[in-house]
Amino acid sequence: MGLFTVNHEPKNIRTIMTKEIRIKKNAWIGARVSILPGVTIGENAIVGTGSVVTKDVPDNAVVVGVPAKIVKMIE
C-alpha cells in the first residue's frame, strides 16, 4: 500500500503540497493500493487490490480501479 501525502501543485511543480490522509474505522485496503494526498477512506469501506484512490471514498463503499470508482455499496 502506498500513502502519498506529498505531491506537487499542478500549476507550479516547484511548489510542494502536503495533505493528510484519513482512514476511518473498519476500512479494508487491498494490496498494492495507492492513496493520494487529502483523501479520506470512509468507515467500513473496501478498496480493491491495485486501486489508485484519487478522491474520497464514502462510508460503506466498495471501490476498485485506476482511478478507483464505486462498484457497490455495503448495507
PDB file of N, CA and C in Angstrom:
ATOM      1  N   MET A   1       0.854  -1.165   0.000  1.00  0.00           N
ATOM      2  CA  MET A   1       0.000   0.000   0.000  1.00  0.00           C
ATOM      3  C   MET A   1       0.897   1.223   0.000  1.00  0.00           C
ATOM      4  N   GLY A   2       0.533   2.208  -0.789  1.00  0.00           N
ATOM      5  CA  GLY A   2       1.272   3.459  -0.826  1.00  0.00           C
ATOM      6  C   GLY A   2       0.397   4.600  -0.352  1.00  0.00           C
ATOM      7  N   LEU A   3       0.875   5.319   0.647  1.00  0.00           N
ATOM      8  CA  LEU A   3       0.178   6.506   1.129  1.00  0.00           C
ATOM      9  C   LEU A   3       1.018   7.705   0.717  1.00  0.00           C
ATOM     10  N   PHE A   4       0.510   8.483  -0.217  1.00  0.00           N
ATOM     11  CA  PHE A   4       1.261   9.608  -0.751  1.00  0.00           C
ATOM     12  C   PHE A   4       0.720  10.904  -0.162  1.00  0.00           C
ATOM     13  N   THR A   5       1.424  11.450   0.826  1.00  0.00           N
ATOM     14  CA  THR A   5       0.959  12.671   1.480  1.00  0.00           C
ATOM     15  C   THR A   5       1.612  13.912   0.904  1.00  0.00           C
ATOM     16  N   VAL A   6       2.542  13.738  -0.021  1.00  0.00           N
ATOM     17  CA  VAL A   6       3.228  14.864  -0.638  1.00  0.00           C
ATOM     18  C   VAL A   6       3.083  14.764  -2.149  1.00  0.00           C
ATOM     19  N   ASN A   7       2.798  15.884  -2.775  1.00  0.00           N
ATOM     20  CA  ASN A   7       2.694  15.945  -4.223  1.00  0.00           C
ATOM     21  C   ASN A   7       3.073  17.360  -4.642  1.00  0.00           C
ATOM     22  N   HIS A   8       3.056  17.625  -5.922  1.00  0.00           N
ATOM     23  CA  HIS A   8       3.348  18.959  -6.431  1.00  0.00           C
ATOM     24  C   HIS A   8       2.059  19.637  -6.845  1.00  0.00           C
ATOM     25  N   GLU A   9       2.029  20.956  -6.726  1.00  0.00           N
ATOM     26  CA  GLU A   9       0.896  21.722  -7.242  1.00  0.00           C
ATOM     27  C   GLU A   9       0.869  21.576  -8.758  1.00  0.00           C
ATOM     28  N   PRO A  10      -0.301  21.307  -9.350  1.00  0.00           N
ATOM     29  CA  PRO A  10      -0.364  21.112 -10.811  1.00  0.00           C
ATOM     30  C   PRO A  10       0.124  22.311 -11.621  1.00  0.00           C
ATOM     31  N   LYS A  11      -0.121  23.539 -11.131  1.00  0.00           N
ATOM     32  CA  LYS A  11       0.248  24.734 -11.892  1.00  0.00           C
ATOM     33  C   LYS A  11       1.698  25.160 -11.682  1.00  0.00           C
ATOM     34  N   ASN A  12       2.328  24.654 -10.612  1.00  0.00           N
ATOM     35  CA  ASN A  12       3.704  25.019 -10.338  1.00  0.00           C
ATOM     36  C   ASN A  12       4.401  23.827  -9.691  1.00  0.00           C
ATOM     37  N   ILE A  13       5.136  23.060 -10.481  1.00  0.00           N
ATOM     38  CA  ILE A  13       5.736  21.825  -9.969  1.00  0.00           C
ATOM     39  C   ILE A  13       6.813  22.071  -8.927  1.00  0.00           C
ATOM     40  N   ARG A  14       7.231  23.314  -8.753  1.00  0.00           N
ATOM     41  CA  ARG A  14       8.225  23.636  -7.724  1.00  0.00           C
ATOM     42  C   ARG A  14       7.590  23.830  -6.352  1.00  0.00           C
ATOM     43  N   THR A  15       6.262  23.904  -6.307  1.00  0.00           N
ATOM     44  CA  THR A  15       5.551  24.082  -5.046  1.00  0.00           C
ATOM     45  C   THR A  15       5.098  22.721  -4.536  1.00  0.00           C
ATOM     46  N   ILE A  16       5.522  22.368  -3.342  1.00  0.00           N
ATOM     47  CA  ILE A  16       5.145  21.082  -2.755  1.00  0.00           C
ATOM     48  C   ILE A  16       3.851  21.242  -1.971  1.00  0.00           C
ATOM     49  N   MET A  17       2.949  20.290  -2.159  1.00  0.00           N
ATOM     50  CA  MET A  17       1.658  20.293  -1.491  1.00  0.00           C
ATOM     51  C   MET A  17       1.628  19.084  -0.547  1.00  0.00           C
ATOM     52  N   THR A  18       1.256  19.303   0.693  1.00  0.00           N
ATOM     53  CA  THR A  18       1.096  18.186   1.628  1.00  0.00           C
ATOM     54  C   THR A  18      -0.332  18.198   2.152  1.00  0.00           C
ATOM     55  N   LYS A  19      -0.933  17.024   2.222  1.00  0.00           N
ATOM     56  CA  LYS A  19      -2.288  16.889   2.746  1.00  0.00           C
ATOM     57  C   LYS A  19      -2.389  15.585   3.520  1.00  0.00           C
ATOM     58  N   GLU A  20      -3.204  15.610   4.543  1.00  0.00           N
ATOM     59  CA  GLU A  20      -3.426  14.450   5.403  1.00  0.00           C
ATOM     60  C   GLU A  20      -4.286  13.396   4.688  1.00  0.00           C
ATOM     61  N   ILE A  21      -3.997  12.137   4.960  1.00  0.00           N
ATOM     62  CA  ILE A  21      -4.833  11.021   4.502  1.00  0.00           C
ATOM     63  C   ILE A  21      -5.538  10.472   5.737  1.00  0.00           C
ATOM     64  N   ARG A  22      -6.849  10.267   5.632  1.00  0.00           N
ATOM     65  CA  ARG A  22      -7.607   9.729   6.764  1.00  0.00           C
ATOM     66  C   ARG A  22      -8.192   8.377   6.383  1.00  0.00           C
ATOM     67  N   ILE A  23      -7.977   7.387   7.227  1.00  0.00           N
ATOM     68  CA  ILE A  23      -8.545   6.053   7.030  1.00  0.00           C
ATOM     69  C   ILE A  23      -9.400   5.777   8.257  1.00  0.00           C
ATOM     70  N   LYS A  24     -10.705   5.693   8.035  1.00  0.00           N
ATOM     71  CA  LYS A  24     -11.644   5.548   9.148  1.00  0.00           C
ATOM     72  C   LYS A  24     -11.781   4.092   9.598  1.00  0.00           C
ATOM     73  N   LYS A  25     -12.480   3.926  10.699  1.00  0.00           N
ATOM     74  CA  LYS A  25     -12.649   2.640  11.373  1.00  0.00           C
ATOM     75  C   LYS A  25     -13.195   1.548  10.437  1.00  0.00           C
ATOM     76  N   ASN A  26     -12.605   0.366  10.553  1.00  0.00           N
ATOM     77  CA  ASN A  26     -13.015  -0.846   9.833  1.00  0.00           C
ATOM     78  C   ASN A  26     -12.845  -0.781   8.319  1.00  0.00           C
ATOM     79  N   ALA A  27     -12.069   0.171   7.816  1.00  0.00           N
ATOM     80  CA  ALA A  27     -11.817   0.216   6.375  1.00  0.00           C
ATOM     81  C   ALA A  27     -10.837  -0.900   6.003  1.00  0.00           C
ATOM     82  N   TRP A  28     -11.066  -1.522   4.870  1.00  0.00           N
ATOM     83  CA  TRP A  28     -10.188  -2.575   4.355  1.00  0.00           C
ATOM     84  C   TRP A  28      -9.498  -2.036   3.114  1.00  0.00           C
ATOM     85  N   ILE A  29      -8.171  -2.172   3.057  1.00  0.00           N
ATOM     86  CA  ILE A  29      -7.407  -1.685   1.919  1.00  0.00           C
ATOM     87  C   ILE A  29      -6.588  -2.845   1.376  1.00  0.00           C
ATOM     88  N   GLY A  30      -6.810  -3.166   0.091  1.00  0.00           N
ATOM     89  CA  GLY A  30      -6.134  -4.295  -0.537  1.00  0.00           C
ATOM     90  C   GLY A  30      -4.662  -4.019  -0.782  1.00  0.00           C
ATOM     91  N   ALA A  31      -3.973  -5.030  -1.279  1.00  0.00           N
ATOM     92  CA  ALA A  31      -2.542  -4.940  -1.590  1.00  0.00           C
ATOM     93  C   ALA A  31      -2.315  -4.016  -2.785  1.00  0.00           C
ATOM     94  N   ARG A  32      -1.159  -3.375  -2.813  1.00  0.00           N
ATOM     95  CA  ARG A  32      -0.728  -2.520  -3.923  1.00  0.00           C
ATOM     96  C   ARG A  32      -1.698  -1.384  -4.228  1.00  0.00           C
ATOM     97  N   VAL A  33      -2.352  -0.847  -3.208  1.00  0.00           N
ATOM     98  CA  VAL A  33      -3.243   0.303  -3.361  1.00  0.00           C
ATOM     99  C   VAL A  33      -2.437   1.577  -3.164  1.00  0.00           C
ATOM    100  N   SER A  34      -2.703   2.584  -3.995  1.00  0.00           N
ATOM    101  CA  SER A  34      -2.098   3.908  -3.821  1.00  0.00           C
ATOM    102  C   SER A  34      -3.194   4.883  -3.419  1.00  0.00           C
ATOM    103  N   ILE A  35      -2.937   5.637  -2.350  1.00  0.00           N
ATOM    104  CA  ILE A  35      -3.897   6.628  -1.860  1.00  0.00           C
ATOM    105  C   ILE A  35      -3.211   7.986  -1.938  1.00  0.00           C
ATOM    106  N   LEU A  36      -3.833   8.922  -2.657  1.00  0.00           N
ATOM    107  CA  LEU A  36      -3.222  10.220  -2.893  1.00  0.00           C
ATOM    108  C   LEU A  36      -3.506  11.206  -1.765  1.00  0.00           C
ATOM    109  N   PRO A  37      -2.769  12.327  -1.734  1.00  0.00           N
ATOM    110  CA  PRO A  37      -2.921  13.301  -0.649  1.00  0.00           C
ATOM    111  C   PRO A  37      -4.339  13.838  -0.518  1.00  0.00           C
ATOM    112  N   GLY A  38      -4.775  14.041   0.726  1.00  0.00           N
ATOM    113  CA  GLY A  38      -6.056  14.663   1.006  1.00  0.00           C
ATOM    114  C   GLY A  38      -7.255  13.744   0.957  1.00  0.00           C
ATOM    115  N   VAL A  39      -7.054  12.463   0.679  1.00  0.00           N
ATOM    116  CA  VAL A  39      -8.158  11.514   0.531  1.00  0.00           C
ATOM    117  C   VAL A  39      -8.573  10.950   1.889  1.00  0.00           C
ATOM    118  N   THR A  40      -9.885  10.756   2.050  1.00  0.00           N
ATOM    119  CA  THR A  40     -10.433  10.084   3.223  1.00  0.00           C
ATOM    120  C   THR A  40     -11.070   8.784   2.766  1.00  0.00           C
ATOM    121  N   ILE A  41     -10.716   7.684   3.423  1.00  0.00           N
ATOM    122  CA  ILE A  41     -11.345   6.387   3.184  1.00  0.00           C
ATOM    123  C   ILE A  41     -12.394   6.224   4.276  1.00  0.00           C
ATOM    124  N   GLY A  42     -13.641   6.076   3.885  1.00  0.00           N
ATOM    125  CA  GLY A  42     -14.747   6.050   4.829  1.00  0.00           C
ATOM    126  C   GLY A  42     -14.816   4.807   5.692  1.00  0.00           C
ATOM    127  N   GLU A  43     -15.627   4.904   6.733  1.00  0.00           N
ATOM    128  CA  GLU A  43     -15.839   3.796   7.660  1.00  0.00           C
ATOM    129  C   GLU A  43     -16.452   2.605   6.927  1.00  0.00           C
ATOM    130  N   ASN A  44     -15.930   1.412   7.193  1.00  0.00           N
ATOM    131  CA  ASN A  44     -16.383   0.147   6.599  1.00  0.00           C
ATOM    132  C   ASN A  44     -16.179   0.065   5.084  1.00  0.00           C
ATOM    133  N   ALA A  45     -15.413   0.975   4.512  1.00  0.00           N
ATOM    134  CA  ALA A  45     -15.171   0.956   3.065  1.00  0.00           C
ATOM    135  C   ALA A  45     -14.166  -0.135   2.713  1.00  0.00           C
ATOM    136  N   ILE A  46     -14.226  -0.595   1.464  1.00  0.00           N
ATOM    137  CA  ILE A  46     -13.290  -1.596   0.952  1.00  0.00           C
ATOM    138  C   ILE A  46     -12.660  -1.038  -0.316  1.00  0.00           C
ATOM    139  N   VAL A  47     -11.314  -1.056  -0.358  1.00  0.00           N
ATOM    140  CA  VAL A  47     -10.576  -0.604  -1.538  1.00  0.00           C
ATOM    141  C   VAL A  47      -9.907  -1.824  -2.150  1.00  0.00           C
ATOM    142  N   GLY A  48     -10.283  -2.140  -3.393  1.00  0.00           N
ATOM    143  CA  GLY A  48      -9.784  -3.343  -4.060  1.00  0.00           C
ATOM    144  C   GLY A  48      -8.303  -3.270  -4.399  1.00  0.00           C
ATOM    145  N   THR A  49      -7.687  -4.432  -4.481  1.00  0.00           N
ATOM    146  CA  THR A  49      -6.270  -4.578  -4.792  1.00  0.00           C
ATOM    147  C   THR A  49      -5.885  -3.810  -6.052  1.00  0.00           C
ATOM    148  N   GLY A  50      -4.759  -3.090  -5.980  1.00  0.00           N
ATOM    149  CA  GLY A  50      -4.215  -2.387  -7.135  1.00  0.00           C
ATOM    150  C   GLY A  50      -4.893  -1.076  -7.476  1.00  0.00           C
ATOM    151  N   SER A  51      -5.858  -0.646  -6.685  1.00  0.00           N
ATOM    152  CA  SER A  51      -6.584   0.587  -6.976  1.00  0.00           C
ATOM    153  C   SER A  51      -5.730   1.817  -6.701  1.00  0.00           C
ATOM    154  N   VAL A  52      -6.063   2.903  -7.393  1.00  0.00           N
ATOM    155  CA  VAL A  52      -5.450   4.207  -7.142  1.00  0.00           C
ATOM    156  C   VAL A  52      -6.578   5.129  -6.701  1.00  0.00           C
ATOM    157  N   VAL A  53      -6.546   5.519  -5.423  1.00  0.00           N
ATOM    158  CA  VAL A  53      -7.635   6.308  -4.851  1.00  0.00           C
ATOM    159  C   VAL A  53      -7.267   7.788  -4.958  1.00  0.00           C
ATOM    160  N   THR A  54      -8.017   8.520  -5.797  1.00  0.00           N
ATOM    161  CA  THR A  54      -7.743   9.931  -6.044  1.00  0.00           C
ATOM    162  C   THR A  54      -8.759  10.849  -5.382  1.00  0.00           C
ATOM    163  N   LYS A  55      -9.894  10.287  -4.942  1.00  0.00           N
ATOM    164  CA  LYS A  55     -10.970  11.072  -4.319  1.00  0.00           C
ATOM    165  C   LYS A  55     -11.464  10.346  -3.078  1.00  0.00           C
ATOM    166  N   ASP A  56     -12.172  11.069  -2.220  1.00  0.00           N
ATOM    167  CA  ASP A  56     -12.723  10.478  -1.001  1.00  0.00           C
ATOM    168  C   ASP A  56     -13.609   9.276  -1.312  1.00  0.00           C
ATOM    169  N   VAL A  57     -13.536   8.275  -0.445  1.00  0.00           N
ATOM    170  CA  VAL A  57     -14.377   7.076  -0.549  1.00  0.00           C
ATOM    171  C   VAL A  57     -15.422   7.174   0.563  1.00  0.00           C
ATOM    172  N   PRO A  58     -16.719   7.139   0.215  1.00  0.00           N
ATOM    173  CA  PRO A  58     -17.746   7.263   1.248  1.00  0.00           C
ATOM    174  C   PRO A  58     -17.799   6.043   2.169  1.00  0.00           C
ATOM    175  N   ASP A  59     -18.430   6.203   3.324  1.00  0.00           N
ATOM    176  CA  ASP A  59     -18.665   5.086   4.229  1.00  0.00           C
ATOM    177  C   ASP A  59     -19.390   3.970   3.479  1.00  0.00           C
ATOM    178  N   ASN A  60     -19.036   2.725   3.782  1.00  0.00           N
ATOM    179  CA  ASN A  60     -19.711   1.530   3.259  1.00  0.00           C
ATOM    180  C   ASN A  60     -19.618   1.345   1.747  1.00  0.00           C
ATOM    181  N   ALA A  61     -18.649   1.962   1.104  1.00  0.00           N
ATOM    182  CA  ALA A  61     -18.490   1.815  -0.343  1.00  0.00           C
ATOM    183  C   ALA A  61     -17.407   0.791  -0.661  1.00  0.00           C
ATOM    184  N   VAL A  62     -17.573   0.112  -1.794  1.00  0.00           N
ATOM    185  CA  VAL A  62     -16.536  -0.767  -2.339  1.00  0.00           C
ATOM    186  C   VAL A  62     -16.027  -0.068  -3.598  1.00  0.00           C
ATOM    187  N   VAL A  63     -14.721   0.216  -3.642  1.00  0.00           N
ATOM    188  CA  VAL A  63     -14.148   0.894  -4.801  1.00  0.00           C
ATOM    189  C   VAL A  63     -13.031   0.045  -5.399  1.00  0.00           C
ATOM    190  N   VAL A  64     -12.897   0.121  -6.724  1.00  0.00           N
ATOM    191  CA  VAL A  64     -11.826  -0.592  -7.433  1.00  0.00           C
ATOM    192  C   VAL A  64     -11.422   0.223  -8.652  1.00  0.00           C
ATOM    193  N   GLY A  65     -10.214  -0.028  -9.141  1.00  0.00           N
ATOM    194  CA  GLY A  65      -9.791   0.529 -10.416  1.00  0.00           C
ATOM    195  C   GLY A  65      -8.793   1.644 -10.332  1.00  0.00           C
ATOM    196  N   VAL A  66      -8.435   2.126 -11.539  1.00  0.00           N
ATOM    197  CA  VAL A  66      -7.482   3.218 -11.691  1.00  0.00           C
ATOM    198  C   VAL A  66      -8.113   4.239 -12.629  1.00  0.00           C
ATOM    199  N   PRO A  67      -8.640   5.317 -12.127  1.00  0.00           N
ATOM    200  CA  PRO A  67      -8.797   5.663 -10.712  1.00  0.00           C
ATOM    201  C   PRO A  67      -9.928   4.850 -10.081  1.00  0.00           C
ATOM    202  N   ALA A  68      -9.896   4.751  -8.760  1.00  0.00           N
ATOM    203  CA  ALA A  68     -10.895   3.960  -8.041  1.00  0.00           C
ATOM    204  C   ALA A  68     -12.287   4.561  -8.209  1.00  0.00           C
ATOM    205  N   LYS A  69     -13.253   3.690  -8.493  1.00  0.00           N
ATOM    206  CA  LYS A  69     -14.657   4.098  -8.639  1.00  0.00           C
ATOM    207  C   LYS A  69     -15.527   3.170  -7.795  1.00  0.00           C
ATOM    208  N   ILE A  70     -16.663   3.694  -7.342  1.00  0.00           N
ATOM    209  CA  ILE A  70     -17.595   2.891  -6.541  1.00  0.00           C
ATOM    210  C   ILE A  70     -18.247   1.848  -7.428  1.00  0.00           C
ATOM    211  N   VAL A  71     -18.186   0.587  -6.990  1.00  0.00           N
ATOM    212  CA  VAL A  71     -18.847  -0.504  -7.708  1.00  0.00           C
ATOM    213  C   VAL A  71     -19.997  -1.096  -6.918  1.00  0.00           C
ATOM    214  N   LYS A  72     -20.023  -0.789  -5.602  1.00  0.00           N
ATOM    215  CA  LYS A  72     -21.067  -1.373  -4.756  1.00  0.00           C
ATOM    216  C   LYS A  72     -21.120  -0.609  -3.446  1.00  0.00           C
ATOM    217  N   MET A  73     -22.288  -0.580  -2.841  1.00  0.00           N
ATOM    218  CA  MET A  73     -22.449  -0.037  -1.505  1.00  0.00           C
ATOM    219  C   MET A  73     -22.836  -1.197  -0.598  1.00  0.00           C
ATOM    220  N   ILE A  74     -22.215  -1.256   0.591  1.00  0.00           N
ATOM    221  CA  ILE A  74     -22.482  -2.318   1.561  1.00  0.00           C
ATOM    222  C   ILE A  74     -23.600  -1.867   2.487  1.00  0.00           C
ATOM    223  N   GLU A  75     -24.577  -2.741   2.681  1.00  0.00           N
ATOM    224  CA  GLU A  75     -25.702  -2.389   3.565  1.00  0.00           C
ATOM    225  C   GLU A  75     -25.461  -2.849   4.975  1.00  0.00           C
TER     226      GLU A  75
END
